[in-house]
Amino acid sequence: MVVEDDPTVSDVVRRYLERAGLAVELYGDGESALARALAAPPDLVVLDLMLPGLSGLDVCRRLRAAQATPIVMLTALGEESDRVLGLELGADDYVTKPFSPRELALRVQSVLRRAGAGQPAAAGTLRDGDLVVDVAARVARLGAGELALTVREFDLLAFLMQYPGRAFSRSELLERVWGWTFGDQSTVTVHVRRLREKVERDASAPRRIVTVWGVGYRYDPVAAP
């Protein structure tokens, strides 16, 4: 699903996504797109933040409250605060306008691959006390409850748990988890913050995903080895 009120932009995006083998539905406003997505969840939403009526941020907030559909945001160059807010609301990725349609198509394909169930079974299950991450099934549980993680949150958690005690810089995480060789490292910071709110007893004093000052982040198991 592509939600963009500029028909020229949406048509270009549609053509590039269709060339990548994807079926595309276009929507020019937030209300109709949200209604459609809630009634029949798409595999992924490309969402412009600046929409008439219901804003892209509101669409993101309401959609994320109801389902885990991957969201790739389109933001203008000067909308850094909106971009960070969108990531905090649960968007999985973003592309800044003016953008390369080919780059957008590659980002969409990357998120779709990570969201798919076709992860190798050999990835197995990661455990740390009451936190269990089934990488093959893409399911994470804390205690008796299943965690509502976005695509990127799940990938970030699984990656860090595979390397307990090892510190990674934000740029390393951006490359290893997002597949970006360049980009805004605040994306990593926002996702770490959101992840802590879901896996830590006290997000303000994290025990699992800890900050390594001057470097980045490290996963420290809370369960005894």
C-alpha atoms as a PDB file:
ATOM      1  CA  MET A   1       0.000   0.000   0.000  1.00  0.00           C
ATOM      2  CA  VAL A   2       1.333   3.432  -0.982  1.00  0.00           C
ATOM      3  CA  VAL A   3      -0.206   6.417   0.821  1.00  0.00           C
ATOM      4  CA  GLU A   4       0.889   9.632  -0.906  1.00  0.00           C
ATOM      5  CA  ASP A   5      -1.225  12.658  -1.859  1.00  0.00           C
ATOM      6  CA  ASP A   6       1.037  13.768  -4.731  1.00  0.00           C
ATOM      7  CA  PRO A   7      -0.169  11.748  -7.750  1.00  0.00           C
ATOM      8  CA  THR A   8       3.120  12.199  -9.596  1.00  0.00           C
ATOM      9  CA  VAL A   9       5.154  10.824  -6.705  1.00  0.00           C
ATOM     10  CA  SER A  10       2.735   7.968  -6.042  1.00  0.00           C
ATOM     11  CA  ASP A  11       2.736   6.974  -9.712  1.00  0.00           C
ATOM     12  CA  VAL A  12       6.539   6.869  -9.839  1.00  0.00           C
ATOM     13  CA  VAL A  13       6.666   4.827  -6.630  1.00  0.00           C
ATOM     14  CA  ARG A  14       4.008   2.454  -7.972  1.00  0.00           C
ATOM     15  CA  ARG A  15       5.928   1.835 -11.194  1.00  0.00           C
ATOM     16  CA  TYR A  16       9.205   1.085  -9.400  1.00  0.00           C
ATOM     17  CA  LEU A  17       7.532  -1.247  -6.905  1.00  0.00           C
ATOM     18  CA  GLU A  18       5.686  -3.052  -9.675  1.00  0.00           C
ATOM     19  CA  ARG A  19       8.987  -3.503 -11.532  1.00  0.00           C
ATOM     20  CA  ALA A  20      10.230  -5.185  -8.353  1.00  0.00           C
ATOM     21  CA  GLY A  21       7.352  -7.657  -8.662  1.00  0.00           C
ATOM     22  CA  LEU A  22       5.039  -6.162  -6.054  1.00  0.00           C
ATOM     23  CA  ALA A  23       1.298  -5.548  -6.331  1.00  0.00           C
ATOM     24  CA  VAL A  24       0.527  -1.942  -5.351  1.00  0.00           C
ATOM     25  CA  GLU A  25      -2.575  -0.094  -4.139  1.00  0.00           C
ATOM     26  CA  LEU A  26      -2.504   3.726  -4.118  1.00  0.00           C
ATOM     27  CA  TYR A  27      -4.262   5.984  -1.615  1.00  0.00           C
ATOM     28  CA  GLY A  28      -4.185   9.765  -1.517  1.00  0.00           C
ATOM     29  CA  ASP A  29      -5.403  10.387   2.038  1.00  0.00           C
ATOM     30  CA  GLY A  30      -4.961   8.922   5.475  1.00  0.00           C
ATOM     31  CA  GLU A  31      -8.587   8.121   6.282  1.00  0.00           C
ATOM     32  CA  SER A  32      -9.257   5.828   3.335  1.00  0.00           C
ATOM     33  CA  ALA A  33      -5.834   4.184   3.599  1.00  0.00           C
ATOM     34  CA  LEU A  34      -6.292   3.450   7.303  1.00  0.00           C
ATOM     35  CA  ALA A  35      -9.774   2.026   6.772  1.00  0.00           C
ATOM     36  CA  ARG A  36      -8.486  -0.250   4.016  1.00  0.00           C
ATOM     37  CA  ALA A  37      -5.435  -1.380   5.994  1.00  0.00           C
ATOM     38  CA  LEU A  38      -7.506  -2.227   9.047  1.00  0.00           C
ATOM     39  CA  ALA A  39     -10.039  -4.156   6.978  1.00  0.00           C
ATOM     40  CA  ALA A  40      -7.474  -6.037   4.880  1.00  0.00           C
ATOM     41  CA  PRO A  41      -3.912  -5.651   6.216  1.00  0.00           C
ATOM     42  CA  PRO A  42      -1.357  -5.172   3.420  1.00  0.00           C
ATOM     43  CA  ASP A  43       2.093  -6.753   3.480  1.00  0.00           C
ATOM     44  CA  LEU A  44       3.654  -3.296   3.867  1.00  0.00           C
ATOM     45  CA  VAL A  45       2.676   0.389   3.884  1.00  0.00           C
ATOM     46  CA  VAL A  46       4.708   3.168   2.258  1.00  0.00           C
ATOM     47  CA  LEU A  47       3.406   6.165   4.187  1.00  0.00           C
ATOM     48  CA  ASP A  48       3.916   9.862   3.502  1.00  0.00           C
ATOM     49  CA  LEU A  49       3.828  11.938   6.686  1.00  0.00           C
ATOM     50  CA  MET A  50       2.293  15.033   5.085  1.00  0.00           C
ATOM     51  CA  LEU A  51      -1.233  13.983   4.145  1.00  0.00           C
ATOM     52  CA  PRO A  52      -4.530  15.887   3.908  1.00  0.00           C
ATOM     53  CA  GLY A  53      -6.896  15.247   6.800  1.00  0.00           C
ATOM     54  CA  LEU A  54      -5.494  12.431   8.921  1.00  0.00           C
ATOM     55  CA  SER A  55      -1.723  12.868   9.038  1.00  0.00           C
ATOM     56  CA  GLY A  56       0.763  10.137   8.313  1.00  0.00           C
ATOM     57  CA  LEU A  57       1.813  10.130  11.976  1.00  0.00           C
ATOM     58  CA  ASP A  58      -1.800   9.536  13.044  1.00  0.00           C
ATOM     59  CA  VAL A  59      -2.136   6.743  10.496  1.00  0.00           C
ATOM     60  CA  CYS A  60       1.082   5.197  11.799  1.00  0.00           C
ATOM     61  CA  ARG A  61      -0.083   5.455  15.421  1.00  0.00           C
ATOM     62  CA  ARG A  62      -3.494   3.901  14.781  1.00  0.00           C
ATOM     63  CA  LEU A  63      -2.190   1.218  12.476  1.00  0.00           C
ATOM     64  CA  ARG A  64       0.542   0.188  14.878  1.00  0.00           C
ATOM     65  CA  ALA A  65      -1.969  -0.013  17.745  1.00  0.00           C
ATOM     66  CA  ALA A  66      -3.985  -2.555  15.760  1.00  0.00           C
ATOM     67  CA  GLN A  67      -1.407  -4.620  13.842  1.00  0.00           C
ATOM     68  CA  ALA A  68       2.269  -5.190  13.115  1.00  0.00           C
ATOM     69  CA  THR A  69       2.156  -4.322   9.403  1.00  0.00           C
ATOM     70  CA  PRO A  70       5.601  -3.029   8.348  1.00  0.00           C
ATOM     71  CA  ILE A  71       5.674   0.721   7.659  1.00  0.00           C
ATOM     72  CA  VAL A  72       8.191   2.658   5.564  1.00  0.00           C
ATOM     73  CA  MET A  73       7.790   6.412   5.994  1.00  0.00           C
ATOM     74  CA  LEU A  74       8.368   9.126   3.423  1.00  0.00           C
ATOM     75  CA  THR A  75       9.573  12.322   5.094  1.00  0.00           C
ATOM     76  CA  ALA A  76      10.702  15.732   3.872  1.00  0.00           C
ATOM     77  CA  LEU A  77      14.335  16.671   4.438  1.00  0.00           C
ATOM     78  CA  GLY A  78      13.584  19.138   7.244  1.00  0.00           C
ATOM     79  CA  GLU A  79      11.175  16.930   9.196  1.00  0.00           C
ATOM     80  CA  GLU A  80      13.697  15.313  11.545  1.00  0.00           C
ATOM     81  CA  SER A  81      11.429  15.619  14.599  1.00  0.00           C
ATOM     82  CA  ASP A  82       8.534  14.017  12.721  1.00  0.00           C
ATOM     83  CA  ARG A  83      10.825  11.270  11.449  1.00  0.00           C
ATOM     84  CA  VAL A  84      12.002  10.436  14.974  1.00  0.00           C
ATOM     85  CA  LEU A  85       8.423  10.530  16.235  1.00  0.00           C
ATOM     86  CA  GLY A  86       7.374   8.189  13.433  1.00  0.00           C
ATOM     87  CA  LEU A  87      10.096   5.728  14.419  1.00  0.00           C
ATOM     88  CA  GLU A  88       9.015   5.989  18.040  1.00  0.00           C
ATOM     89  CA  LEU A  89       5.452   5.199  16.976  1.00  0.00           C
ATOM     90  CA  GLY A  90       6.693   2.006  15.368  1.00  0.00           C
ATOM     91  CA  ALA A  91       7.670   2.712  11.757  1.00  0.00           C
ATOM     92  CA  ASP A  92      10.245   0.217  10.515  1.00  0.00           C
ATOM     93  CA  ASP A  93      12.155   2.391   8.085  1.00  0.00           C
ATOM     94  CA  TYR A  94      12.109   5.778   6.370  1.00  0.00           C
ATOM     95  CA  VAL A  95      13.211   7.439   3.153  1.00  0.00           C
ATOM     96  CA  THR A  96      13.815  11.186   2.963  1.00  0.00           C
ATOM     97  CA  LYS A  97      12.416  13.324   0.133  1.00  0.00           C
ATOM     98  CA  PRO A  98      13.667  13.981  -2.455  1.00  0.00           C
ATOM     99  CA  PHE A  99      14.414  10.286  -2.753  1.00  0.00           C
ATOM    100  CA  SER A 100      15.561   7.760  -5.304  1.00  0.00           C
ATOM    101  CA  PRO A 101      12.597   5.534  -6.290  1.00  0.00           C
ATOM    102  CA  ARG A 102      15.065   2.691  -6.760  1.00  0.00           C
ATOM    103  CA  GLU A 103      16.371   3.155  -3.210  1.00  0.00           C
ATOM    104  CA  LEU A 104      12.811   3.141  -1.894  1.00  0.00           C
ATOM    105  CA  ALA A 105      12.064  -0.088  -3.768  1.00  0.00           C
ATOM    106  CA  LEU A 106      15.187  -1.678  -2.275  1.00  0.00           C
ATOM    107  CA  ARG A 107      14.229  -0.533   1.229  1.00  0.00           C
ATOM    108  CA  VAL A 108      10.719  -1.954   0.777  1.00  0.00           C
ATOM    109  CA  GLN A 109      12.088  -5.277  -0.432  1.00  0.00           C
ATOM    110  CA  SER A 110      14.502  -5.394   2.507  1.00  0.00           C
ATOM    111  CA  VAL A 111      11.746  -4.836   5.067  1.00  0.00           C
ATOM    112  CA  LEU A 112       9.493  -7.388   3.356  1.00  0.00           C
ATOM    113  CA  ARG A 113      12.262  -9.995   3.417  1.00  0.00           C
ATOM    114  CA  ARG A 114      12.847  -9.450   7.105  1.00  0.00           C
ATOM    115  CA  ALA A 115       9.117  -9.529   7.848  1.00  0.00           C
ATOM    116  CA  GLY A 116       8.617 -12.811   6.007  1.00  0.00           C
ATOM    117  CA  ALA A 117       8.474 -16.163   7.721  1.00  0.00           C
ATOM    118  CA  GLY A 118      11.162 -17.550   5.469  1.00  0.00           C
ATOM    119  CA  GLN A 119      13.947 -17.215   8.003  1.00  0.00           C
ATOM    120  CA  PRO A 120      16.177 -20.304   8.188  1.00  0.00           C
ATOM    121  CA  ALA A 121      15.130 -22.794  10.857  1.00  0.00           C
ATOM    122  CA  ALA A 122      18.798 -23.132  11.797  1.00  0.00           C
ATOM    123  CA  ALA A 123      18.532 -19.696  13.380  1.00  0.00           C
ATOM    124  CA  GLY A 124      16.916 -21.509  16.291  1.00  0.00           C
ATOM    125  CA  THR A 125      15.682 -20.075  19.571  1.00  0.00           C
ATOM    126  CA  LEU A 126      17.438 -17.505  21.749  1.00  0.00           C
ATOM    127  CA  ARG A 127      16.798 -17.591  25.506  1.00  0.00           C
ATOM    128  CA  ASP A 128      17.643 -15.328  28.398  1.00  0.00           C
ATOM    129  CA  GLY A 129      15.657 -16.153  31.498  1.00  0.00           C
ATOM    130  CA  ASP A 130      12.016 -15.301  30.844  1.00  0.00           C
ATOM    131  CA  LEU A 131      12.843 -13.756  27.448  1.00  0.00           C
ATOM    132  CA  VAL A 132      12.558 -16.230  24.562  1.00  0.00           C
ATOM    133  CA  VAL A 133      13.060 -15.320  20.906  1.00  0.00           C
ATOM    134  CA  ASP A 134      12.111 -17.886  18.247  1.00  0.00           C
ATOM    135  CA  VAL A 135      14.033 -16.533  15.258  1.00  0.00           C
ATOM    136  CA  ALA A 136      12.574 -18.952  12.704  1.00  0.00           C
ATOM    137  CA  ALA A 137       8.968 -18.212  13.709  1.00  0.00           C
ATOM    138  CA  ARG A 138       9.744 -14.525  14.391  1.00  0.00           C
ATOM    139  CA  VAL A 139       8.033 -14.661  17.764  1.00  0.00           C
ATOM    140  CA  ALA A 140       9.369 -13.133  20.989  1.00  0.00           C
ATOM    141  CA  ARG A 141       7.918 -13.819  24.434  1.00  0.00           C
ATOM    142  CA  LEU A 142       8.579 -12.291  27.818  1.00  0.00           C
ATOM    143  CA  GLY A 143       7.206 -14.494  30.550  1.00  0.00           C
ATOM    144  CA  ALA A 144       3.805 -15.788  29.477  1.00  0.00           C
ATOM    145  CA  GLY A 145       3.077 -12.951  27.057  1.00  0.00           C
ATOM    146  CA  GLU A 146       4.047 -12.449  23.422  1.00  0.00           C
ATOM    147  CA  LEU A 147       5.860  -9.202  22.664  1.00  0.00           C
ATOM    148  CA  ALA A 148       4.412  -6.883  20.005  1.00  0.00           C
ATOM    149  CA  LEU A 149       7.611  -6.054  18.129  1.00  0.00           C
ATOM    150  CA  THR A 150       7.988  -4.314  14.801  1.00  0.00           C
ATOM    151  CA  VAL A 151      10.147  -5.915  12.117  1.00  0.00           C
ATOM    152  CA  ARG A 152      13.188  -3.834  12.999  1.00  0.00           C
ATOM    153  CA  GLU A 153      12.705  -4.228  16.761  1.00  0.00           C
ATOM    154  CA  PHE A 154      12.624  -8.001  16.379  1.00  0.00           C
ATOM    155  CA  ASP A 155      15.707  -8.006  14.150  1.00  0.00           C
ATOM    156  CA  LEU A 156      17.603  -5.757  16.550  1.00  0.00           C
ATOM    157  CA  LEU A 157      16.739  -7.872  19.595  1.00  0.00           C
ATOM    158  CA  ALA A 158      17.608 -11.151  17.868  1.00  0.00           C
ATOM    159  CA  PHE A 159      20.891  -9.753  16.577  1.00  0.00           C
ATOM    160  CA  LEU A 160      22.034  -8.421  19.954  1.00  0.00           C
ATOM    161  CA  MET A 161      21.046 -11.650  21.749  1.00  0.00           C
ATOM    162  CA  GLN A 162      23.189 -13.649  19.336  1.00  0.00           C
ATOM    163  CA  TYR A 163      26.266 -11.749  20.582  1.00  0.00           C
ATOM    164  CA  PRO A 164      25.913 -11.446  24.380  1.00  0.00           C
ATOM    165  CA  GLY A 165      28.530  -9.254  25.990  1.00  0.00           C
ATOM    166  CA  ARG A 166      29.713  -7.754  22.702  1.00  0.00           C
ATOM    167  CA  ALA A 167      29.463  -3.999  22.177  1.00  0.00           C
ATOM    168  CA  PHE A 168      28.306  -2.668  18.810  1.00  0.00           C
ATOM    169  CA  SER A 169      28.486   0.900  17.587  1.00  0.00           C
ATOM    170  CA  ARG A 170      25.387   2.531  16.117  1.00  0.00           C
ATOM    171  CA  SER A 171      26.970   2.473  12.673  1.00  0.00           C
ATOM    172  CA  GLU A 172      27.662  -1.271  13.010  1.00  0.00           C
ATOM    173  CA  LEU A 173      24.070  -1.935  14.038  1.00  0.00           C
ATOM    174  CA  LEU A 174      22.811   0.227  11.188  1.00  0.00           C
ATOM    175  CA  GLU A 175      24.776  -1.921   8.744  1.00  0.00           C
ATOM    176  CA  ARG A 176      24.238  -5.355  10.336  1.00  0.00           C
ATOM    177  CA  VAL A 177      20.522  -4.998  11.212  1.00  0.00           C
ATOM    178  CA  TRP A 178      19.200  -2.404   8.767  1.00  0.00           C
ATOM    179  CA  GLY A 179      21.549  -3.254   5.916  1.00  0.00           C
ATOM    180  CA  TRP A 180      22.495   0.402   5.491  1.00  0.00           C
ATOM    181  CA  THR A 181      26.081   1.420   4.862  1.00  0.00           C
ATOM    182  CA  PHE A 182      25.116   5.021   5.652  1.00  0.00           C
ATOM    183  CA  GLY A 183      22.164   6.761   7.243  1.00  0.00           C
ATOM    184  CA  ASP A 184      20.815   8.564  10.281  1.00  0.00           C
ATOM    185  CA  GLN A 185      22.127   6.764  13.372  1.00  0.00           C
ATOM    186  CA  SER A 186      19.307   8.224  15.485  1.00  0.00           C
ATOM    187  CA  THR A 187      17.214   5.442  13.928  1.00  0.00           C
ATOM    188  CA  VAL A 188      19.173   2.963  16.046  1.00  0.00           C
ATOM    189  CA  THR A 189      18.787   5.103  19.174  1.00  0.00           C
ATOM    190  CA  VAL A 190      15.011   5.302  18.765  1.00  0.00           C
ATOM    191  CA  HIS A 191      14.640   1.555  18.191  1.00  0.00           C
ATOM    192  CA  VAL A 192      16.788   0.739  21.217  1.00  0.00           C
ATOM    193  CA  ARG A 193      14.610   3.012  23.338  1.00  0.00           C
ATOM    194  CA  ARG A 194      11.421   1.348  22.085  1.00  0.00           C
ATOM    195  CA  LEU A 195      12.878  -2.109  22.579  1.00  0.00           C
ATOM    196  CA  ARG A 196      13.899  -1.341  26.149  1.00  0.00           C
ATOM    197  CA  GLU A 197      10.332  -0.334  26.944  1.00  0.00           C
ATOM    198  CA  LYS A 198       9.228  -3.824  25.934  1.00  0.00           C
ATOM    199  CA  VAL A 199      11.940  -6.119  27.328  1.00  0.00           C
ATOM    200  CA  GLU A 200      13.240  -4.305  30.411  1.00  0.00           C
ATOM    201  CA  ARG A 201      11.617  -4.241  33.840  1.00  0.00           C
ATOM    202  CA  ASP A 202      12.704  -0.612  34.120  1.00  0.00           C
ATOM    203  CA  ALA A 203      13.510   1.025  30.777  1.00  0.00           C
ATOM    204  CA  SER A 204      15.244   3.927  32.560  1.00  0.00           C
ATOM    205  CA  ALA A 205      17.702   1.484  34.153  1.00  0.00           C
ATOM    206  CA  PRO A 206      18.158  -1.220  31.504  1.00  0.00           C
ATOM    207  CA  ARG A 207      19.842  -4.490  32.465  1.00  0.00           C
ATOM    208  CA  ARG A 208      19.645  -6.342  29.160  1.00  0.00           C
ATOM    209  CA  ILE A 209      20.284  -3.729  26.461  1.00  0.00           C
ATOM    210  CA  VAL A 210      22.892  -1.514  28.044  1.00  0.00           C
ATOM    211  CA  THR A 211      24.598   1.602  26.747  1.00  0.00           C
ATOM    212  CA  VAL A 212      28.353   1.429  26.280  1.00  0.00           C
ATOM    213  CA  TRP A 213      29.331   5.067  26.520  1.00  0.00           C
ATOM    214  CA  GLY A 214      31.346   6.298  23.584  1.00  0.00           C
ATOM    215  CA  VAL A 215      30.651   3.106  21.644  1.00  0.00           C
ATOM    216  CA  GLY A 216      27.007   2.044  21.347  1.00  0.00           C
ATOM    217  CA  TYR A 217      25.046  -0.846  22.859  1.00  0.00           C
ATOM    218  CA  ARG A 218      25.592  -4.325  24.290  1.00  0.00           C
ATOM    219  CA  TYR A 219      23.300  -7.189  25.287  1.00  0.00           C
ATOM    220  CA  ASP A 220      23.955  -8.446  28.824  1.00  0.00           C
ATOM    221  CA  PRO A 221      22.050 -11.644  29.736  1.00  0.00           C
ATOM    222  CA  VAL A 222      20.211 -11.424  33.033  1.00  0.00           C
ATOM    223  CA  ALA A 223      20.031 -15.202  33.453  1.00  0.00           C
ATOM    224  CA  ALA A 224      22.983 -17.073  34.888  1.00  0.00           C
ATOM    225  CA  PRO A 225      24.970 -18.924  32.196  1.00  0.00           C
END
